Amino acid sequence: MTTRLPTLVFAFLCALGITASPAQQQPAASPAARPADVATIDSIITTLYAVISGPVGQPRQWDRFMSLMHPDARLMPTGCNPTNRCSVRIMTPAEYRQRADSFLVAMGFFEKELQRRTERYGAIAQSFSAYESYRHGETSPFGRGINSIQLFWDGGRWWIMSIFWDSERPDNPLPPAFEQGWTPGGAP
């Protein structure tokens, strides 16, 4: 029976319509993707922070941002109101671009990675990446939090599948292990 289980599970998923189409199984590489940007977990996350950061008036590198994202990627910010009722917004990368572009350019926005913890199993990886956010001219961050970044290795490059994040608040401080003292590099 155990040798037939994978076949039965696959047949069940097919009956429910839960299988990947050939296009989903092997996403086409974006023509804007730079091989060095997507070769390692470190390079794709470092590039992610770089492409959304820049001074006032400087357009962001949205084509490069999109080249990091799997065609089915999602970005999911969370937020909590004063009564601790929390919610999540689910966006495509294009929707995020539309919502964030004018703010990032007008304010001069920079995001700096503080610390990262990555776990990998085969073709999937999960990184908890602590960050600080700055506006033009600020020397102290106006915000901090953790990005939960899920990645997929297709055999030739990394793809960001999702970014799910939460911001630091008085009742939700960054854990001490994510505060400072880390230098990027060495990630698979």
Protein backbone atom coordinates (compact mmCIF):
# COMPACT_ATOMS: atom_id res chain seq x y z
CA MET A 1 0.00 0.00 0.00
CA THR A 2 2.81 2.44 0.84
CA THR A 3 4.23 2.23 -2.69
CA ARG A 4 0.83 3.20 -4.10
CA LEU A 5 0.29 6.09 -1.66
CA PRO A 6 2.15 8.74 -3.72
CA THR A 7 0.16 7.73 -6.81
CA LEU A 8 -3.13 7.89 -4.89
CA VAL A 9 -2.24 11.28 -3.39
CA PHE A 10 -1.31 12.62 -6.84
CA ALA A 11 -4.56 11.29 -8.33
CA PHE A 12 -6.54 12.89 -5.49
CA LEU A 13 -4.80 16.25 -5.99
CA CYS A 14 -5.41 16.06 -9.75
CA ALA A 15 -9.10 15.39 -9.12
CA LEU A 16 -9.21 18.52 -6.96
CA GLY A 17 -7.35 20.52 -9.60
CA ILE A 18 -4.36 21.03 -7.28
CA THR A 19 -1.45 20.33 -9.57
CA ALA A 20 1.13 22.61 -11.08
CA SER A 21 0.83 23.39 -14.74
CA PRO A 22 4.03 23.05 -16.79
CA ALA A 23 4.42 26.85 -16.67
CA GLN A 24 4.19 26.79 -12.87
CA GLN A 25 6.63 23.90 -12.56
CA GLN A 26 9.37 25.70 -14.49
CA PRO A 27 8.85 29.46 -14.36
CA ALA A 28 10.49 31.31 -17.20
CA ALA A 29 13.48 33.37 -16.12
CA SER A 30 12.80 37.06 -16.26
CA PRO A 31 14.84 38.81 -18.94
CA ALA A 32 15.71 41.40 -16.27
CA ALA A 33 17.11 38.80 -13.86
CA ARG A 34 20.82 39.23 -13.22
CA PRO A 35 22.36 35.80 -12.60
CA ALA A 36 24.40 37.15 -9.68
CA ASP A 37 21.19 38.48 -8.04
CA VAL A 38 19.50 35.08 -7.90
CA ALA A 39 22.42 32.64 -7.57
CA THR A 40 22.37 32.34 -3.76
CA ILE A 41 20.00 33.01 -0.88
CA ASP A 42 22.34 35.75 0.29
CA SER A 43 22.47 37.44 -3.11
CA ILE A 44 18.70 37.44 -3.68
CA ILE A 45 17.92 38.83 -0.21
CA THR A 46 20.71 41.43 -0.42
CA THR A 47 19.33 42.49 -3.82
CA LEU A 48 15.79 42.65 -2.42
CA TYR A 49 16.83 45.25 0.15
CA ALA A 50 18.92 47.19 -2.39
CA VAL A 51 16.22 47.57 -5.05
CA ILE A 52 13.64 49.19 -2.75
CA SER A 53 16.16 51.53 -1.11
CA GLY A 54 17.24 54.91 -2.46
CA PRO A 55 17.28 58.67 -1.93
CA VAL A 56 14.44 61.15 -2.43
CA GLY A 57 13.45 61.40 -6.09
CA GLN A 58 15.34 58.31 -7.24
CA PRO A 59 13.13 55.80 -9.05
CA ARG A 60 13.29 52.33 -7.56
CA GLN A 61 14.61 49.36 -9.55
CA TRP A 62 11.21 47.76 -10.10
CA ASP A 63 12.24 45.60 -13.07
CA ARG A 64 15.04 44.16 -10.97
CA PHE A 65 12.63 43.74 -8.01
CA MET A 66 10.20 41.83 -10.26
CA SER A 67 13.03 39.62 -11.56
CA LEU A 68 13.51 38.26 -8.02
CA MET A 69 9.88 37.20 -7.69
CA HIS A 70 8.31 33.93 -8.80
CA PRO A 71 5.33 34.56 -11.10
CA ASP A 72 3.02 33.43 -8.27
CA ALA A 73 4.80 35.36 -5.48
CA ARG A 74 2.89 37.23 -2.75
CA LEU A 75 3.82 40.03 -0.37
CA MET A 76 1.97 40.09 2.95
CA PRO A 77 2.37 42.90 5.46
CA THR A 78 0.71 42.54 8.83
CA GLY A 79 -0.49 45.21 11.20
CA CYS A 80 -2.19 45.47 14.58
CA ASN A 81 -4.53 48.14 15.92
CA PRO A 82 -4.39 49.52 19.49
CA THR A 83 -6.64 46.69 20.74
CA ASN A 84 -4.16 44.12 19.33
CA ARG A 85 -6.51 43.05 16.58
CA CYS A 86 -4.13 42.06 13.79
CA SER A 87 -4.70 41.71 10.06
CA VAL A 88 -2.78 40.83 6.92
CA ARG A 89 -2.89 42.33 3.42
CA ILE A 90 -2.05 39.97 0.54
CA MET A 91 -0.60 41.54 -2.60
CA THR A 92 1.12 40.53 -5.79
CA PRO A 93 4.53 42.13 -6.39
CA ALA A 94 2.88 44.42 -8.96
CA GLU A 95 0.29 45.55 -6.41
CA TYR A 96 3.06 46.21 -3.87
CA ARG A 97 4.91 48.29 -6.45
CA GLN A 98 1.79 50.32 -7.18
CA ARG A 99 1.13 50.96 -3.47
CA ALA A 100 4.73 51.65 -2.39
CA ASP A 101 6.41 53.42 -5.31
CA SER A 102 5.37 57.02 -4.65
CA PHE A 103 6.09 56.72 -0.90
CA LEU A 104 9.54 55.21 -1.40
CA VAL A 105 10.57 57.86 -3.94
CA ALA A 106 9.01 60.83 -2.11
CA MET A 107 10.37 59.96 1.35
CA GLY A 108 13.78 58.66 0.38
CA PHE A 109 13.53 55.20 1.90
CA PHE A 110 16.33 52.84 2.94
CA GLU A 111 15.97 49.42 4.50
CA LYS A 112 18.95 47.81 6.23
CA GLU A 113 19.12 44.13 7.15
CA LEU A 114 20.16 43.58 10.76
CA GLN A 115 20.22 39.82 11.10
CA ARG A 116 19.12 36.74 9.21
CA ARG A 117 18.34 33.16 10.15
CA THR A 118 17.89 30.76 7.22
CA GLU A 119 16.78 27.15 7.08
CA ARG A 120 16.91 25.15 3.85
CA TYR A 121 15.46 21.80 2.94
CA GLY A 122 16.01 20.66 -0.65
CA ALA A 123 14.46 23.17 -3.05
CA ILE A 124 12.86 25.35 -0.35
CA ALA A 125 14.26 27.85 2.11
CA GLN A 126 12.87 30.11 4.82
CA SER A 127 14.69 33.22 6.03
CA PHE A 128 13.75 35.37 9.00
CA SER A 129 15.38 38.69 8.14
CA ALA A 130 15.31 41.50 10.71
CA TYR A 131 15.41 45.01 9.26
CA GLU A 132 15.54 48.70 10.11
CA SER A 133 13.82 51.35 7.95
CA TYR A 134 15.10 54.89 7.45
CA ARG A 135 13.78 57.96 5.66
CA HIS A 136 16.04 60.46 3.90
CA GLY A 137 18.48 62.10 6.30
CA GLU A 138 17.50 60.06 9.36
CA THR A 139 20.20 58.53 11.51
CA SER A 140 17.76 56.54 13.66
CA PRO A 141 15.30 54.08 12.14
CA PHE A 142 11.62 55.01 12.03
CA GLY A 143 10.68 51.33 11.96
CA ARG A 144 11.99 47.83 12.48
CA GLY A 145 10.60 44.36 12.03
CA ILE A 146 11.12 40.91 10.58
CA ASN A 147 10.58 39.75 7.01
CA SER A 148 9.72 36.07 6.68
CA ILE A 149 11.00 35.28 3.18
CA GLN A 150 10.15 31.97 1.51
CA LEU A 151 12.33 30.95 -1.42
CA PHE A 152 12.31 28.27 -4.12
CA TRP A 153 15.35 26.81 -5.91
CA ASP A 154 14.43 25.61 -9.41
CA GLY A 155 17.82 24.01 -10.08
CA GLY A 156 19.28 27.11 -11.69
CA ARG A 157 18.29 30.08 -9.54
CA TRP A 158 16.43 31.20 -6.42
CA TRP A 159 12.92 32.72 -6.60
CA ILE A 160 11.17 34.66 -3.86
CA MET A 161 7.81 32.97 -3.32
CA SER A 162 6.56 35.20 -0.53
CA ILE A 163 7.53 37.91 1.90
CA PHE A 164 5.41 37.95 5.06
CA TRP A 165 6.34 40.66 7.55
CA ASP A 166 5.51 42.13 10.91
CA SER A 167 6.71 45.42 12.39
CA GLU A 168 8.17 46.05 15.80
CA ARG A 169 5.77 47.61 18.34
CA PRO A 170 6.05 48.22 22.09
CA ASP A 171 4.41 44.85 22.77
CA ASN A 172 6.28 43.17 19.89
CA PRO A 173 10.02 44.00 20.22
CA LEU A 174 12.65 42.38 18.04
CA PRO A 175 14.08 39.32 19.76
CA PRO A 176 17.62 39.99 21.08
CA ALA A 177 19.06 37.45 18.62
CA PHE A 178 17.89 39.70 15.75
CA GLU A 179 19.16 43.03 17.07
CA GLN A 180 22.65 43.53 15.60
CA GLY A 181 26.05 42.04 15.00
CA TRP A 182 25.67 40.06 11.78
CA THR A 183 27.42 40.35 8.46
CA PRO A 184 25.68 38.91 5.37
CA GLY A 185 27.43 36.16 3.46
CA GLY A 186 27.95 32.46 3.43
CA ALA A 187 24.31 31.55 2.89
CA PRO A 188 23.72 28.68 0.43
